[in-house]
Amino acid sequence: MLRETLRKTRRIGIARVVIRTREYLCAVMPQGDALVMNLLRYPTELVSADDYVFPGSDISAYRVTKAELDMAEKLIESMAGTWKPDDYKDEFRARLSEVIEKRLKSKGVVKAIDADEKMPSNAATNVVDFMSLLQKKHRDGETDTVEEGGC
């Protein structure tokens, strides 16, 4: 319902969401058949580009020769390839899993935790049916208002 209403009204939702122990600002928007949440930044997290000094476009002022530029271009070309997202893995998570598994083995635990285990189709989820909640409140005569960022 939210996705379709946002699509029809050509709007996005702005909300606050807590991930782990940090609050983020986010934009919720329809994209195809999905409802997408993009994390945003608070103004205090932003740094103006004016706070930095960047090299100008006249690279010769930095004593970079044409030969060095040509060599850099050849290096980039030699390293270029087709983007294959499956080639990239979360190495930190893999190393952390190894450490946890070793610790479990040292404590005598014999069954490893499988993080990639698929959720059974009949498993309970945290999906909330907002329409039924609103209808129940209406039937019960409650008049709560929805505040900004309630998701």
N, C-alpha and C. Protein backbone atom coordinates (compact mmCIF):
# COMPACT_ATOMS: atom_id res chain seq x y z
N MET A 1 0.83 -1.17 0.00
CA MET A 1 0.00 0.00 0.00
C MET A 1 0.89 1.26 0.00
N LEU A 2 1.90 1.29 0.84
CA LEU A 2 2.78 2.46 0.91
C LEU A 2 3.48 2.68 -0.42
N ARG A 3 4.00 1.61 -1.00
CA ARG A 3 4.71 1.73 -2.27
C ARG A 3 3.82 2.32 -3.34
N GLU A 4 2.62 1.79 -3.45
CA GLU A 4 1.71 2.25 -4.49
C GLU A 4 1.25 3.68 -4.25
N THR A 5 1.02 4.05 -2.99
CA THR A 5 0.60 5.41 -2.68
C THR A 5 1.72 6.40 -2.98
N LEU A 6 2.96 6.05 -2.62
CA LEU A 6 4.09 6.92 -2.95
C LEU A 6 4.25 7.06 -4.46
N ARG A 7 4.08 5.95 -5.17
CA ARG A 7 4.21 5.99 -6.63
C ARG A 7 3.13 6.89 -7.23
N LYS A 8 1.88 6.72 -6.79
CA LYS A 8 0.75 7.48 -7.34
C LYS A 8 0.89 8.98 -7.06
N THR A 9 1.35 9.33 -5.86
CA THR A 9 1.47 10.73 -5.49
C THR A 9 2.81 11.34 -5.90
N ARG A 10 3.70 10.49 -6.47
CA ARG A 10 5.02 10.92 -6.92
C ARG A 10 5.78 11.59 -5.77
N ARG A 11 5.76 10.93 -4.60
CA ARG A 11 6.44 11.42 -3.42
C ARG A 11 7.36 10.34 -2.86
N ILE A 12 8.22 10.77 -1.94
CA ILE A 12 9.05 9.83 -1.20
C ILE A 12 8.80 10.09 0.28
N GLY A 13 9.09 9.11 1.11
CA GLY A 13 8.97 9.27 2.55
C GLY A 13 10.33 9.55 3.15
N ILE A 14 10.36 10.44 4.13
CA ILE A 14 11.59 10.73 4.88
C ILE A 14 11.35 10.24 6.30
N ALA A 15 12.29 9.47 6.81
CA ALA A 15 12.11 8.88 8.15
C ALA A 15 13.45 8.77 8.85
N ARG A 16 13.39 8.39 10.10
CA ARG A 16 14.58 8.08 10.88
C ARG A 16 14.56 6.58 11.14
N VAL A 17 15.73 5.96 11.03
CA VAL A 17 15.84 4.53 11.25
C VAL A 17 17.09 4.28 12.08
N VAL A 18 16.99 3.33 13.01
CA VAL A 18 18.14 2.98 13.82
C VAL A 18 18.69 1.65 13.29
N ILE A 19 19.96 1.66 12.94
CA ILE A 19 20.65 0.46 12.48
C ILE A 19 21.79 0.23 13.46
N ARG A 20 21.75 -0.92 14.10
CA ARG A 20 22.66 -1.26 15.20
C ARG A 20 22.46 -0.24 16.30
N THR A 21 23.39 0.66 16.53
CA THR A 21 23.22 1.62 17.63
C THR A 21 23.23 3.06 17.14
N ARG A 22 23.02 3.28 15.86
CA ARG A 22 23.11 4.63 15.30
C ARG A 22 21.83 5.00 14.56
N GLU A 23 21.41 6.23 14.74
CA GLU A 23 20.21 6.72 14.04
C GLU A 23 20.63 7.33 12.71
N TYR A 24 19.89 7.00 11.67
CA TYR A 24 20.13 7.53 10.33
C TYR A 24 18.88 8.21 9.83
N LEU A 25 19.07 9.13 8.93
CA LEU A 25 17.98 9.72 8.17
C LEU A 25 17.86 8.90 6.90
N CYS A 26 16.65 8.63 6.44
CA CYS A 26 16.53 7.82 5.23
C CYS A 26 15.39 8.32 4.35
N ALA A 27 15.47 7.96 3.09
CA ALA A 27 14.41 8.23 2.12
C ALA A 27 13.84 6.88 1.71
N VAL A 28 12.51 6.78 1.74
CA VAL A 28 11.82 5.55 1.35
C VAL A 28 11.08 5.87 0.05
N MET A 29 11.36 5.09 -0.99
CA MET A 29 10.77 5.40 -2.29
C MET A 29 10.47 4.14 -3.08
N PRO A 30 9.46 4.21 -3.94
CA PRO A 30 9.17 3.06 -4.79
C PRO A 30 10.18 2.97 -5.93
N GLN A 31 10.57 1.74 -6.24
CA GLN A 31 11.45 1.49 -7.38
C GLN A 31 11.03 0.17 -7.98
N GLY A 32 10.37 0.21 -9.10
CA GLY A 32 9.82 -1.01 -9.69
C GLY A 32 8.81 -1.62 -8.74
N ASP A 33 8.96 -2.92 -8.44
CA ASP A 33 8.06 -3.60 -7.51
C ASP A 33 8.56 -3.52 -6.07
N ALA A 34 9.67 -2.82 -5.85
CA ALA A 34 10.26 -2.76 -4.51
C ALA A 34 9.98 -1.43 -3.84
N LEU A 35 10.16 -1.42 -2.54
CA LEU A 35 10.15 -0.20 -1.74
C LEU A 35 11.58 -0.08 -1.23
N VAL A 36 12.29 0.95 -1.67
CA VAL A 36 13.72 1.08 -1.41
C VAL A 36 13.97 2.13 -0.33
N MET A 37 14.91 1.81 0.57
CA MET A 37 15.31 2.76 1.60
C MET A 37 16.76 3.16 1.35
N ASN A 38 16.99 4.46 1.15
CA ASN A 38 18.34 4.99 0.96
C ASN A 38 18.72 5.79 2.19
N LEU A 39 19.91 5.51 2.73
CA LEU A 39 20.39 6.27 3.87
C LEU A 39 20.86 7.64 3.41
N LEU A 40 20.51 8.64 4.18
CA LEU A 40 20.90 10.02 3.89
C LEU A 40 21.88 10.49 4.96
N ARG A 41 22.35 11.69 4.85
CA ARG A 41 23.27 12.26 5.83
C ARG A 41 22.63 13.47 6.48
N TYR A 42 22.91 13.64 7.77
CA TYR A 42 22.50 14.85 8.46
C TYR A 42 23.44 15.98 8.04
N PRO A 43 22.99 17.23 8.06
CA PRO A 43 23.86 18.34 7.65
C PRO A 43 25.19 18.39 8.41
N THR A 44 25.18 17.99 9.67
CA THR A 44 26.42 18.03 10.45
C THR A 44 27.44 17.00 9.97
N GLU A 45 27.00 16.02 9.19
CA GLU A 45 27.91 15.00 8.67
C GLU A 45 28.56 15.42 7.36
N LEU A 46 28.06 16.48 6.76
CA LEU A 46 28.54 16.91 5.45
C LEU A 46 29.69 17.90 5.60
N VAL A 47 30.64 17.79 4.69
CA VAL A 47 31.76 18.72 4.65
C VAL A 47 31.72 19.40 3.28
N SER A 48 31.78 20.70 3.28
CA SER A 48 31.74 21.46 2.03
C SER A 48 33.03 21.23 1.24
N ALA A 49 32.90 21.11 -0.06
CA ALA A 49 34.08 20.97 -0.92
C ALA A 49 34.96 22.21 -0.82
N ASP A 50 34.38 23.34 -0.42
CA ASP A 50 35.16 24.57 -0.26
C ASP A 50 36.17 24.46 0.88
N ASP A 51 35.99 23.48 1.77
CA ASP A 51 36.92 23.29 2.89
C ASP A 51 38.22 22.61 2.45
N TYR A 52 38.29 22.18 1.20
CA TYR A 52 39.47 21.48 0.70
C TYR A 52 40.13 22.28 -0.42
N VAL A 53 41.42 22.04 -0.59
CA VAL A 53 42.14 22.63 -1.71
C VAL A 53 42.45 21.49 -2.67
N PHE A 54 41.89 21.57 -3.88
CA PHE A 54 42.09 20.53 -4.89
C PHE A 54 43.08 21.03 -5.94
N PRO A 55 43.86 20.10 -6.50
CA PRO A 55 44.77 20.53 -7.58
C PRO A 55 43.95 21.02 -8.78
N GLY A 56 44.45 22.05 -9.42
CA GLY A 56 43.77 22.58 -10.60
C GLY A 56 43.93 21.65 -11.79
N SER A 57 43.31 22.02 -12.90
CA SER A 57 43.36 21.17 -14.09
C SER A 57 44.69 21.29 -14.83
N ASP A 58 45.50 22.33 -14.52
CA ASP A 58 46.82 22.47 -15.14
C ASP A 58 47.80 21.58 -14.39
N ILE A 59 47.89 20.34 -14.82
CA ILE A 59 48.69 19.34 -14.11
C ILE A 59 50.19 19.61 -14.21
N SER A 60 50.59 20.37 -15.19
CA SER A 60 52.02 20.68 -15.32
C SER A 60 52.51 21.53 -14.15
N ALA A 61 51.62 22.24 -13.50
CA ALA A 61 52.00 23.04 -12.33
C ALA A 61 52.42 22.15 -11.16
N TYR A 62 52.12 20.87 -11.25
CA TYR A 62 52.47 19.92 -10.18
C TYR A 62 53.63 19.02 -10.60
N ARG A 63 54.37 19.43 -11.59
CA ARG A 63 55.54 18.72 -12.10
C ARG A 63 55.24 17.27 -12.48
N VAL A 64 54.09 17.06 -13.11
CA VAL A 64 53.74 15.74 -13.65
C VAL A 64 54.02 15.80 -15.14
N THR A 65 54.84 14.87 -15.60
CA THR A 65 55.24 14.89 -17.01
C THR A 65 54.26 14.10 -17.86
N LYS A 66 54.33 14.32 -19.17
CA LYS A 66 53.48 13.59 -20.10
C LYS A 66 53.79 12.09 -20.02
N ALA A 67 55.05 11.74 -19.86
CA ALA A 67 55.45 10.33 -19.75
C ALA A 67 54.78 9.68 -18.53
N GLU A 68 54.72 10.41 -17.41
CA GLU A 68 54.08 9.87 -16.20
C GLU A 68 52.58 9.69 -16.42
N LEU A 69 51.95 10.64 -17.10
CA LEU A 69 50.52 10.52 -17.40
C LEU A 69 50.26 9.32 -18.31
N ASP A 70 51.12 9.14 -19.33
CA ASP A 70 50.98 8.00 -20.24
C ASP A 70 51.14 6.68 -19.49
N MET A 71 52.14 6.63 -18.59
CA MET A 71 52.37 5.42 -17.80
C MET A 71 51.15 5.13 -16.90
N ALA A 72 50.61 6.15 -16.27
CA ALA A 72 49.42 5.97 -15.41
C ALA A 72 48.23 5.47 -16.23
N GLU A 73 48.06 6.00 -17.43
CA GLU A 73 46.97 5.56 -18.30
C GLU A 73 47.13 4.10 -18.68
N LYS A 74 48.35 3.69 -19.02
CA LYS A 74 48.61 2.29 -19.37
C LYS A 74 48.36 1.37 -18.18
N LEU A 75 48.75 1.82 -16.99
CA LEU A 75 48.52 1.02 -15.78
C LEU A 75 47.02 0.81 -15.56
N ILE A 76 46.25 1.87 -15.68
CA ILE A 76 44.79 1.75 -15.49
C ILE A 76 44.20 0.82 -16.54
N GLU A 77 44.62 0.97 -17.79
CA GLU A 77 44.12 0.09 -18.86
C GLU A 77 44.47 -1.37 -18.58
N SER A 78 45.68 -1.62 -18.05
CA SER A 78 46.09 -3.00 -17.79
C SER A 78 45.28 -3.61 -16.64
N MET A 79 44.77 -2.77 -15.75
CA MET A 79 44.00 -3.27 -14.60
C MET A 79 42.50 -3.29 -14.86
N ALA A 80 42.07 -2.73 -15.97
CA ALA A 80 40.64 -2.63 -16.28
C ALA A 80 40.07 -4.00 -16.63
N GLY A 81 38.81 -4.19 -16.34
CA GLY A 81 38.14 -5.44 -16.67
C GLY A 81 36.64 -5.26 -16.59
N THR A 82 35.93 -6.33 -16.87
CA THR A 82 34.48 -6.32 -16.81
C THR A 82 34.04 -6.41 -15.36
N TRP A 83 33.08 -5.60 -14.97
CA TRP A 83 32.56 -5.59 -13.60
C TRP A 83 31.81 -6.88 -13.35
N LYS A 84 32.26 -7.63 -12.36
CA LYS A 84 31.62 -8.89 -11.96
C LYS A 84 31.34 -8.80 -10.46
N PRO A 85 30.15 -8.39 -10.06
CA PRO A 85 29.84 -8.21 -8.63
C PRO A 85 30.09 -9.45 -7.79
N ASP A 86 29.94 -10.64 -8.37
CA ASP A 86 30.14 -11.87 -7.61
C ASP A 86 31.60 -12.08 -7.22
N ASP A 87 32.52 -11.34 -7.85
CA ASP A 87 33.94 -11.46 -7.51
C ASP A 87 34.26 -10.79 -6.17
N TYR A 88 33.33 -10.01 -5.63
CA TYR A 88 33.58 -9.25 -4.41
C TYR A 88 32.81 -9.86 -3.25
N LYS A 89 33.52 -10.15 -2.20
CA LYS A 89 32.93 -10.76 -1.01
C LYS A 89 33.23 -9.88 0.20
N ASP A 90 32.44 -10.03 1.23
CA ASP A 90 32.66 -9.31 2.47
C ASP A 90 33.75 -10.05 3.24
N GLU A 91 34.99 -9.67 3.01
CA GLU A 91 36.13 -10.37 3.61
C GLU A 91 36.16 -10.19 5.12
N PHE A 92 35.75 -9.04 5.62
CA PHE A 92 35.72 -8.81 7.06
C PHE A 92 34.79 -9.80 7.73
N ARG A 93 33.61 -9.98 7.15
CA ARG A 93 32.63 -10.90 7.73
C ARG A 93 33.15 -12.33 7.69
N ALA A 94 33.82 -12.70 6.60
CA ALA A 94 34.38 -14.05 6.49
C ALA A 94 35.44 -14.29 7.56
N ARG A 95 36.33 -13.31 7.78
CA ARG A 95 37.36 -13.45 8.81
C ARG A 95 36.73 -13.51 10.20
N LEU A 96 35.72 -12.68 10.43
CA LEU A 96 35.03 -12.68 11.72
C LEU A 96 34.36 -14.03 11.96
N SER A 97 33.75 -14.59 10.93
CA SER A 97 33.12 -15.91 11.07
C SER A 97 34.14 -16.97 11.42
N GLU A 98 35.32 -16.89 10.83
CA GLU A 98 36.38 -17.85 11.15
C GLU A 98 36.79 -17.74 12.62
N VAL A 99 36.95 -16.52 13.10
CA VAL A 99 37.33 -16.31 14.50
C VAL A 99 36.25 -16.86 15.42
N ILE A 100 35.00 -16.59 15.11
CA ILE A 100 33.89 -17.08 15.94
C ILE A 100 33.86 -18.60 15.92
N GLU A 101 34.04 -19.18 14.74
CA GLU A 101 34.02 -20.65 14.63
C GLU A 101 35.15 -21.28 15.45
N LYS A 102 36.34 -20.69 15.38
CA LYS A 102 37.47 -21.21 16.19
C LYS A 102 37.16 -21.10 17.67
N ARG A 103 36.57 -19.98 18.08
CA ARG A 103 36.24 -19.79 19.49
C ARG A 103 35.20 -20.82 19.93
N LEU A 104 34.20 -21.08 19.07
CA LEU A 104 33.18 -22.08 19.41
C LEU A 104 33.80 -23.47 19.56
N LYS A 105 34.72 -23.81 18.64
CA LYS A 105 35.38 -25.11 18.71
C LYS A 105 36.20 -25.24 19.99
N SER A 106 36.87 -24.15 20.37
CA SER A 106 37.68 -24.20 21.58
C SER A 106 36.81 -24.35 22.83
N LYS A 107 35.56 -23.95 22.76
CA LYS A 107 34.63 -24.09 23.89
C LYS A 107 33.89 -25.43 23.86
N GLY A 108 34.15 -26.24 22.83
CA GLY A 108 33.54 -27.55 22.76
C GLY A 108 32.22 -27.60 22.00
N VAL A 109 31.86 -26.53 21.30
CA VAL A 109 30.63 -26.51 20.50
C VAL A 109 30.92 -27.25 19.21
N VAL A 110 30.06 -28.21 18.84
CA VAL A 110 30.33 -29.04 17.67
C VAL A 110 29.57 -28.61 16.44
N LYS A 111 28.44 -27.93 16.58
CA LYS A 111 27.66 -27.51 15.42
C LYS A 111 27.95 -26.05 15.12
N ALA A 112 28.43 -25.79 13.90
CA ALA A 112 28.73 -24.41 13.49
C ALA A 112 27.44 -23.67 13.16
N ILE A 113 27.49 -22.37 13.31
CA ILE A 113 26.35 -21.51 12.97
C ILE A 113 26.41 -21.24 11.49
N ASP A 114 25.31 -21.49 10.76
CA ASP A 114 25.25 -21.26 9.32
C ASP A 114 24.52 -19.95 9.06
N ALA A 115 25.27 -18.89 8.77
CA ALA A 115 24.68 -17.57 8.56
C ALA A 115 23.90 -17.48 7.25
N ASP A 116 24.25 -18.34 6.29
CA ASP A 116 23.58 -18.28 4.99
C ASP A 116 22.36 -19.19 4.90
N GLU A 117 21.96 -19.73 6.03
CA GLU A 117 20.81 -20.64 6.05
C GLU A 117 19.56 -19.91 5.60
N LYS A 118 18.80 -20.53 4.71
CA LYS A 118 17.58 -19.92 4.18
C LYS A 118 16.48 -19.97 5.22
N MET A 119 15.65 -18.92 5.25
CA MET A 119 14.53 -18.87 6.18
C MET A 119 13.41 -19.76 5.64
N PRO A 120 12.85 -20.62 6.46
CA PRO A 120 11.75 -21.45 6.00
C PRO A 120 10.56 -20.60 5.57
N SER A 121 9.80 -21.10 4.60
CA SER A 121 8.68 -20.32 4.07
C SER A 121 7.61 -20.07 5.11
N ASN A 122 7.52 -20.92 6.14
CA ASN A 122 6.49 -20.74 7.16
C ASN A 122 7.01 -20.00 8.39
N ALA A 123 8.21 -19.42 8.31
CA ALA A 123 8.81 -18.74 9.47
C ALA A 123 8.08 -17.43 9.75
N ALA A 124 8.02 -17.07 11.01
CA ALA A 124 7.39 -15.81 11.40
C ALA A 124 8.29 -14.66 10.96
N THR A 125 7.67 -13.55 10.57
CA THR A 125 8.42 -12.37 10.14
C THR A 125 8.00 -11.17 10.98
N ASN A 126 8.68 -10.07 10.78
CA ASN A 126 8.35 -8.85 11.49
C ASN A 126 7.48 -7.92 10.66
N VAL A 127 6.78 -8.45 9.66
CA VAL A 127 5.93 -7.64 8.81
C VAL A 127 4.68 -7.25 9.59
N VAL A 128 4.37 -5.96 9.56
CA VAL A 128 3.21 -5.46 10.29
C VAL A 128 2.16 -5.03 9.29
N ASP A 129 0.92 -5.46 9.49
CA ASP A 129 -0.19 -5.07 8.63
C ASP A 129 -0.77 -3.77 9.18
N PHE A 130 -0.31 -2.63 8.63
CA PHE A 130 -0.73 -1.34 9.13
C PHE A 130 -2.22 -1.09 8.91
N MET A 131 -2.77 -1.58 7.80
CA MET A 131 -4.20 -1.35 7.54
C MET A 131 -5.05 -1.97 8.63
N SER A 132 -4.75 -3.21 9.02
CA SER A 132 -5.57 -3.85 10.05
C SER A 132 -5.42 -3.13 11.38
N LEU A 133 -4.21 -2.63 11.69
CA LEU A 133 -4.02 -1.87 12.93
C LEU A 133 -4.82 -0.58 12.90
N LEU A 134 -4.79 0.13 11.78
CA LEU A 134 -5.55 1.38 11.67
C LEU A 134 -7.05 1.12 11.75
N GLN A 135 -7.52 0.06 11.08
CA GLN A 135 -8.95 -0.27 11.14
C GLN A 135 -9.36 -0.64 12.56
N LYS A 136 -8.51 -1.38 13.27
CA LYS A 136 -8.81 -1.76 14.64
C LYS A 136 -8.89 -0.51 15.52
N LYS A 137 -7.94 0.41 15.37
CA LYS A 137 -7.96 1.64 16.15
C LYS A 137 -9.22 2.43 15.86
N HIS A 138 -9.62 2.46 14.57
CA HIS A 138 -10.82 3.20 14.18
C HIS A 138 -12.06 2.57 14.83
N ARG A 139 -12.13 1.24 14.79
CA ARG A 139 -13.28 0.53 15.39
C ARG A 139 -13.31 0.75 16.90
N ASP A 140 -12.12 0.79 17.52
CA ASP A 140 -12.04 0.96 18.97
C ASP A 140 -12.18 2.42 19.39
N GLY A 141 -12.26 3.32 18.42
CA GLY A 141 -12.46 4.74 18.74
C GLY A 141 -11.21 5.45 19.17
N GLU A 142 -10.02 4.86 18.92
CA GLU A 142 -8.77 5.53 19.29
C GLU A 142 -8.44 6.58 18.24
N THR A 143 -7.84 7.67 18.67
CA THR A 143 -7.53 8.76 17.74
C THR A 143 -6.06 9.15 17.82
N ASP A 144 -5.17 8.17 17.75
CA ASP A 144 -3.74 8.47 17.74
C ASP A 144 -3.37 9.13 16.44
N THR A 145 -2.37 10.00 16.49
CA THR A 145 -1.85 10.61 15.27
C THR A 145 -0.51 9.98 14.97
N VAL A 146 -0.17 9.93 13.71
CA VAL A 146 1.10 9.37 13.29
C VAL A 146 2.10 10.51 13.22
N GLU A 147 3.24 10.35 13.89
CA GLU A 147 4.27 11.38 13.91
C GLU A 147 5.27 11.13 12.79
N GLU A 148 6.01 12.18 12.43
CA GLU A 148 7.05 12.09 11.41
C GLU A 148 8.03 10.99 11.79
N GLY A 149 8.44 10.25 10.77
CA GLY A 149 9.49 9.26 10.98
C GLY A 149 9.00 7.95 11.56
N GLY A 150 7.71 7.78 11.71
CA GLY A 150 7.25 6.52 12.30
C GLY A 150 7.30 5.40 11.29
N CYS A 151 8.31 4.56 11.39
CA CYS A 151 8.34 3.38 10.54
C CYS A 151 8.83 2.19 11.29
